[in-house]
Amino acid sequence: MDWTKQIGRYIVVMLLQVLLFNQLQLWDVCHPYIYILCLLMMPITIPHWLSMVLGAVAGLVMDVFCNSLGIHMAACILLMYIRPYLIGAIVNDKDRLNEQISTQAIGLGAMFEYTIIMVLLHHLAVFTMAAWSWKHTGFVLAETLVSSIVTILVIMGYNSMRDK
C-alpha cells in the first residue's frame, strides 16, 4: 500500500475520532475508539518494532486529546505487540497476505474474528487502566462491551466499503 494513503487514512480517522467520536458518549458507557482502525489495517510487512512505535505514537496522540496520561499509548503498544501473533493464529494461508490485512485477503470470518479480538483487547485495556480499581469491574465490562460493539460495527463497515 502506498504510504501516502496510510498517512491520509490516519489523519482522517484521527480527526473523526477527536472531532466526532470523542464527543459521542452514549449512556455514559459508550466510548467508541475508531482510531485503532489505523493500527488494525497497518501493513503487515513493516517490522514488529516499527509497528509498536507507530502504535505508541497513535496512542500518544489520543492521550493528548483525551488527557488520559498514557492509557491509550499502553493499550496501543499492547495491541501492536500481540498483532503478529494473532494474525499468525487466525490466518491459515499466509501466502494470501502480501501487504495488508483486508477482508479480500483473509476472508470475512477471519477479518471479523481479528477485529473482535483486537477491539475487545484494546477497550478492555483502556477501561481497566482508566478505572484502576476492582470496585468498578461491572462498569468496566459494560463500557468495554458497548464501546466494542460500536467500534467493531464502524470498523467492519469501513472494511466493507473499502473492499468494494
Protein backbone atom coordinates (compact mmCIF):
# COMPACT_ATOMS: atom_id res chain seq x y z
CA MET A 1 0.00 0.00 0.00
CA ASP A 2 1.14 3.48 -0.77
CA TRP A 3 2.36 5.28 2.38
CA THR A 4 0.54 8.47 1.40
CA LYS A 5 -2.77 6.57 1.58
CA GLN A 6 -1.80 5.19 5.00
CA ILE A 7 -0.93 8.64 6.32
CA GLY A 8 -4.06 10.15 4.79
CA ARG A 9 -6.24 7.45 6.37
CA TYR A 10 -4.53 8.05 9.72
CA ILE A 11 -5.19 11.81 9.58
CA VAL A 12 -8.83 11.38 8.55
CA VAL A 13 -9.52 8.71 11.19
CA MET A 14 -7.81 10.71 13.95
CA LEU A 15 -9.79 13.83 13.00
CA LEU A 16 -13.02 11.79 13.07
CA GLN A 17 -12.04 10.36 16.44
CA VAL A 18 -11.16 13.70 18.02
CA LEU A 19 -13.91 15.84 16.49
CA LEU A 20 -16.80 13.35 16.37
CA PHE A 21 -16.34 10.10 18.26
CA ASN A 22 -14.76 11.62 21.38
CA GLN A 23 -17.89 13.78 21.68
CA LEU A 24 -20.21 10.79 21.19
CA GLN A 25 -20.72 9.28 24.61
CA LEU A 26 -23.95 7.32 24.71
CA TRP A 27 -25.44 6.19 28.03
CA ASP A 28 -22.11 7.02 29.75
CA VAL A 29 -20.79 3.60 28.74
CA CYS A 30 -20.20 4.01 25.01
CA HIS A 31 -16.84 5.49 24.09
CA PRO A 32 -16.01 4.23 20.58
CA TYR A 33 -12.32 4.40 19.73
CA ILE A 34 -12.19 4.05 15.96
CA TYR A 35 -8.62 5.32 15.77
CA ILE A 36 -7.42 1.75 16.27
CA LEU A 37 -8.64 1.11 12.72
CA CYS A 38 -5.31 2.55 11.55
CA LEU A 39 -3.42 0.08 13.72
CA LEU A 40 -5.51 -2.90 12.63
CA MET A 41 -5.11 -2.11 8.93
CA MET A 42 -1.40 -1.34 9.12
CA PRO A 43 0.70 -3.17 6.50
CA ILE A 44 1.97 -6.50 7.77
CA THR A 45 5.31 -6.11 6.03
CA ILE A 46 6.65 -3.47 8.40
CA PRO A 47 8.95 -4.68 11.19
CA HIS A 48 7.39 -5.54 14.54
CA TRP A 49 9.38 -2.90 16.42
CA LEU A 50 8.24 -0.20 13.99
CA SER A 51 4.59 -1.20 14.32
CA MET A 52 4.95 -0.91 18.10
CA VAL A 53 6.50 2.57 17.73
CA LEU A 54 3.68 3.64 15.40
CA GLY A 55 1.16 2.24 17.88
CA ALA A 56 2.81 4.24 20.65
CA VAL A 57 2.58 7.42 18.55
CA ALA A 58 -1.11 6.81 17.76
CA GLY A 59 -1.80 6.20 21.45
CA LEU A 60 0.16 9.29 22.44
CA VAL A 61 -1.89 11.46 20.07
CA MET A 62 -5.09 10.11 21.64
CA ASP A 63 -3.70 10.63 25.14
CA VAL A 64 -3.01 14.28 24.31
CA PHE A 65 -6.57 14.85 23.08
CA CYS A 66 -8.24 12.73 25.80
CA ASN A 67 -5.95 13.86 28.64
CA SER A 68 -5.59 10.22 29.65
CA LEU A 69 -1.97 10.05 30.89
CA GLY A 70 -0.63 7.20 28.75
CA ILE A 71 -3.60 4.84 28.89
CA HIS A 72 -4.13 4.81 25.12
CA MET A 73 -0.41 4.57 24.50
CA ALA A 74 -0.11 1.47 26.69
CA ALA A 75 -3.18 -0.15 25.10
CA CYS A 76 -1.88 0.53 21.57
CA ILE A 77 1.56 -0.88 22.36
CA LEU A 78 -0.15 -3.99 23.74
CA LEU A 79 -2.20 -4.30 20.54
CA MET A 80 0.80 -3.95 18.28
CA TYR A 81 2.78 -6.45 20.34
CA ILE A 82 0.06 -9.09 20.06
CA ARG A 83 -0.93 -8.32 16.44
CA PRO A 84 1.57 -10.53 14.52
CA TYR A 85 0.89 -13.50 16.80
CA LEU A 86 -2.86 -13.09 16.44
CA ILE A 87 -2.58 -12.82 12.66
CA GLY A 88 -0.47 -15.98 12.66
CA ALA A 89 -3.10 -17.79 14.72
CA ILE A 90 -6.10 -16.64 12.68
CA VAL A 91 -4.81 -16.66 9.10
CA ASN A 92 -4.14 -20.17 7.86
CA ASP A 93 -2.82 -19.32 4.41
CA LYS A 94 -0.18 -16.64 4.95
CA ASP A 95 0.60 -16.58 1.23
CA ARG A 96 -2.60 -14.57 0.76
CA LEU A 97 -1.16 -11.80 2.92
CA ASN A 98 1.07 -9.79 0.67
CA GLU A 99 0.89 -6.26 2.02
CA GLN A 100 -2.09 -5.50 4.21
CA ILE A 101 -4.95 -7.05 6.06
CA SER A 102 -8.29 -6.87 4.30
CA THR A 103 -11.47 -8.87 4.01
CA GLN A 104 -10.47 -9.91 0.50
CA ALA A 105 -7.06 -11.14 1.67
CA ILE A 106 -8.09 -13.16 4.73
CA GLY A 107 -11.83 -13.66 4.31
CA LEU A 108 -14.80 -12.17 6.13
CA GLY A 109 -14.77 -14.66 9.01
CA ALA A 110 -11.10 -14.21 9.80
CA MET A 111 -11.37 -10.43 9.46
CA PHE A 112 -14.34 -10.36 11.83
CA GLU A 113 -12.53 -12.58 14.36
CA TYR A 114 -9.36 -10.47 14.14
CA THR A 115 -11.31 -7.23 14.58
CA ILE A 116 -13.34 -8.52 17.53
CA ILE A 117 -10.32 -9.79 19.43
CA MET A 118 -8.22 -6.67 18.83
CA VAL A 119 -11.03 -4.21 19.67
CA LEU A 120 -12.06 -6.09 22.82
CA LEU A 121 -8.44 -6.29 23.95
CA HIS A 122 -7.83 -2.58 23.34
CA HIS A 123 -11.04 -1.42 25.00
CA LEU A 124 -10.61 -3.73 27.99
CA ALA A 125 -7.07 -2.43 28.49
CA VAL A 126 -8.13 1.23 28.20
CA PHE A 127 -11.13 1.00 30.50
CA THR A 128 -9.37 -1.20 33.06
CA MET A 129 -6.43 1.20 33.31
CA ALA A 130 -8.82 4.17 33.48
CA ALA A 131 -10.81 2.63 36.36
CA TRP A 132 -7.71 1.37 38.20
CA SER A 133 -9.89 -0.39 40.76
CA TRP A 134 -11.71 -3.69 41.15
CA LYS A 135 -14.71 -1.80 42.57
CA HIS A 136 -15.75 -0.78 39.07
CA THR A 137 -15.47 -4.17 37.36
CA GLY A 138 -19.12 -4.26 36.25
CA PHE A 139 -18.92 -0.78 34.80
CA VAL A 140 -15.62 -1.55 33.05
CA LEU A 141 -17.14 -4.66 31.47
CA ALA A 142 -20.25 -2.74 30.38
CA GLU A 143 -18.11 0.05 28.90
CA THR A 144 -15.91 -2.50 27.13
CA LEU A 145 -18.83 -4.41 25.65
CA VAL A 146 -20.92 -1.45 24.47
CA SER A 147 -17.96 0.55 23.16
CA SER A 148 -16.51 -2.51 21.43
CA ILE A 149 -19.77 -3.26 19.63
CA VAL A 150 -19.97 0.27 18.23
CA THR A 151 -16.27 0.30 17.30
CA ILE A 152 -16.48 -3.12 15.60
CA LEU A 153 -19.52 -2.04 13.59
CA VAL A 154 -17.72 1.10 12.38
CA ILE A 155 -14.52 -0.82 11.51
CA MET A 156 -16.35 -3.62 9.69
CA GLY A 157 -18.46 -1.01 7.86
CA TYR A 158 -15.29 0.73 6.76
CA ASN A 159 -13.80 -2.56 5.58
CA SER A 160 -16.90 -3.48 3.60
CA MET A 161 -16.85 -0.10 1.84
CA ARG A 162 -13.10 -0.31 1.22
CA ASP A 163 -13.30 -3.74 -0.39
CA LYS A 164 -15.94 -2.71 -2.93
